[in-house]
Amino acid sequence: MMQGLILFAHGARDPAWAAPFEAVAALVRSRQPSWQVRLAFLEFMSPPLPEAAEALAKAGCARIVIRPMFLGTGGHVRRDLPLLLDELRRSHAGVEFILQEAIGENRAVHAAMADAIATEQLPQPGSSP
């Protein structure tokens, strides 16, 4: 069974905002080459979640995992995403959709962010950023 993964982010009007998510998707693809990995966005950017799910279903993915790329489980993850997921399940009856926790709720992500912050040099007093 082909595995599909959707990295689901908020989206922004500035196209450069997607660069970190594209980098994460590329890293996941390089580490899991048998997975079909797509980005999807809630608003402002393409593709939206239904379009990414459709592409994975057409590619033969019978199981699609959705990983919210949010730092916390706020309103979009609690309210908007379940409604979108219900619609995906209705539209693709033969596909299993699995929703994972928001990436920011993951302890390994907490550790990685703390490491990135703690290993940086703090600005010296009187210096500008």
Protein backbone atom coordinates (compact mmCIF):
# COMPACT_ATOMS: atom_id res chain seq x y z
CA MET A 1 0.00 0.00 0.00
CA MET A 2 1.40 3.37 -1.00
CA GLN A 3 1.73 5.80 1.91
CA GLY A 4 0.68 9.41 1.47
CA LEU A 5 1.61 12.28 3.75
CA ILE A 6 0.20 15.79 3.68
CA LEU A 7 2.04 18.51 5.55
CA PHE A 8 -0.80 20.92 6.26
CA ALA A 9 0.13 24.54 6.96
CA HIS A 10 -1.81 27.75 7.41
CA GLY A 11 -0.66 29.67 4.34
CA ALA A 12 0.20 33.34 3.84
CA ARG A 13 0.01 36.00 1.16
CA ASP A 14 3.80 36.17 0.88
CA PRO A 15 5.03 33.25 -1.27
CA ALA A 16 8.38 33.20 0.59
CA TRP A 17 6.52 32.12 3.72
CA ALA A 18 6.23 28.58 2.29
CA ALA A 19 10.01 28.06 2.02
CA PRO A 20 10.50 26.38 5.43
CA PHE A 21 7.61 24.01 4.75
CA GLU A 22 9.02 23.15 1.33
CA ALA A 23 12.37 22.44 3.00
CA VAL A 24 10.71 20.12 5.53
CA ALA A 25 8.83 18.32 2.74
CA ALA A 26 12.07 17.83 0.80
CA LEU A 27 13.80 16.41 3.88
CA VAL A 28 10.91 14.01 4.55
CA ARG A 29 10.98 12.86 0.92
CA SER A 30 14.73 12.22 1.11
CA ARG A 31 14.33 10.21 4.33
CA GLN A 32 11.21 8.30 3.25
CA PRO A 33 11.50 7.93 -0.54
CA SER A 34 8.64 5.42 -0.69
CA TRP A 35 6.18 7.99 0.69
CA GLN A 36 4.19 10.35 -1.47
CA VAL A 37 4.60 13.73 0.29
CA ARG A 38 2.57 16.84 -0.48
CA LEU A 39 2.15 20.27 1.07
CA ALA A 40 -1.31 21.73 1.53
CA PHE A 41 -2.52 25.03 2.90
CA LEU A 42 -5.58 26.23 4.75
CA GLU A 43 -5.72 29.59 2.99
CA PHE A 44 -3.95 32.05 0.71
CA MET A 45 -1.68 29.42 -0.92
CA SER A 46 -2.04 26.40 -3.16
CA PRO A 47 -2.77 23.63 -3.08
CA PRO A 48 -5.63 23.54 -0.61
CA LEU A 49 -6.05 20.33 1.41
CA PRO A 50 -8.74 18.78 -0.86
CA GLU A 51 -6.53 19.24 -3.93
CA ALA A 52 -3.48 17.66 -2.27
CA ALA A 53 -5.60 14.74 -1.04
CA GLU A 54 -7.06 14.26 -4.51
CA ALA A 55 -3.57 14.11 -6.03
CA LEU A 56 -2.47 11.47 -3.52
CA ALA A 57 -5.63 9.42 -4.01
CA LYS A 58 -5.13 9.54 -7.80
CA ALA A 59 -1.50 8.46 -7.28
CA GLY A 60 -2.81 5.31 -5.59
CA CYS A 61 -2.48 6.16 -1.90
CA ALA A 62 -5.03 4.17 0.06
CA ARG A 63 -3.81 5.70 3.34
CA ILE A 64 -3.08 9.40 3.79
CA VAL A 65 -1.63 10.85 6.98
CA ILE A 66 -2.19 14.55 7.63
CA ARG A 67 0.38 16.30 9.82
CA PRO A 68 -0.66 19.83 10.82
CA MET A 69 2.39 22.08 10.60
CA PHE A 70 1.16 24.32 13.40
CA LEU A 71 3.07 25.11 16.59
CA GLY A 72 0.02 24.40 18.70
CA THR A 73 -3.47 22.98 18.56
CA GLY A 74 -5.48 26.15 18.11
CA GLY A 75 -8.77 26.88 16.43
CA HIS A 76 -7.71 25.87 12.93
CA VAL A 77 -6.60 22.43 14.09
CA ARG A 78 -9.52 21.96 16.49
CA ARG A 79 -12.35 23.36 14.35
CA ASP A 80 -11.42 23.87 10.69
CA LEU A 81 -9.32 20.78 10.06
CA PRO A 82 -11.89 18.23 11.36
CA LEU A 83 -14.50 19.70 9.01
CA LEU A 84 -12.09 19.44 6.09
CA LEU A 85 -11.21 15.89 7.12
CA ASP A 86 -14.89 14.88 7.23
CA GLU A 87 -15.29 16.18 3.67
CA LEU A 88 -12.19 14.27 2.50
CA ARG A 89 -13.55 11.06 3.98
CA ARG A 90 -16.88 11.58 2.19
CA SER A 91 -15.16 12.41 -1.11
CA HIS A 92 -12.68 9.52 -0.97
CA ALA A 93 -14.52 6.62 0.61
CA GLY A 94 -11.79 4.10 -0.26
CA VAL A 95 -8.99 6.13 1.34
CA GLU A 96 -8.07 6.01 5.02
CA PHE A 97 -7.26 9.47 6.40
CA ILE A 98 -5.28 9.69 9.64
CA LEU A 99 -4.87 12.98 11.47
CA GLN A 100 -1.74 13.41 13.56
CA GLU A 101 -1.12 15.95 16.30
CA ALA A 102 0.14 19.42 15.42
CA ILE A 103 3.88 19.23 14.85
CA GLY A 104 4.48 21.82 17.57
CA GLU A 105 3.00 19.46 20.16
CA ASN A 106 5.77 16.92 19.51
CA ARG A 107 8.52 16.67 22.18
CA ALA A 108 11.23 16.15 19.57
CA VAL A 109 10.22 19.46 17.97
CA HIS A 110 10.40 21.16 21.37
CA ALA A 111 13.92 19.78 21.82
CA ALA A 112 15.00 20.81 18.31
CA MET A 113 13.74 24.37 18.81
CA ALA A 114 15.40 24.61 22.23
CA ASP A 115 18.68 23.30 20.75
CA ALA A 116 18.53 25.81 17.90
CA ILE A 117 17.92 28.66 20.34
CA ALA A 118 20.37 27.57 23.04
CA THR A 119 23.26 27.04 20.63
CA GLU A 120 23.00 30.51 19.09
CA GLN A 121 25.03 33.39 20.37
CA LEU A 122 22.86 35.98 22.03
CA PRO A 123 23.39 39.57 20.91
CA GLN A 124 25.85 41.48 23.01
CA PRO A 125 24.52 44.46 24.99
CA GLY A 126 24.41 47.54 22.80
CA SER A 127 24.51 45.62 19.51
CA SER A 128 21.63 45.74 17.08
CA PRO A 129 20.12 42.58 15.59
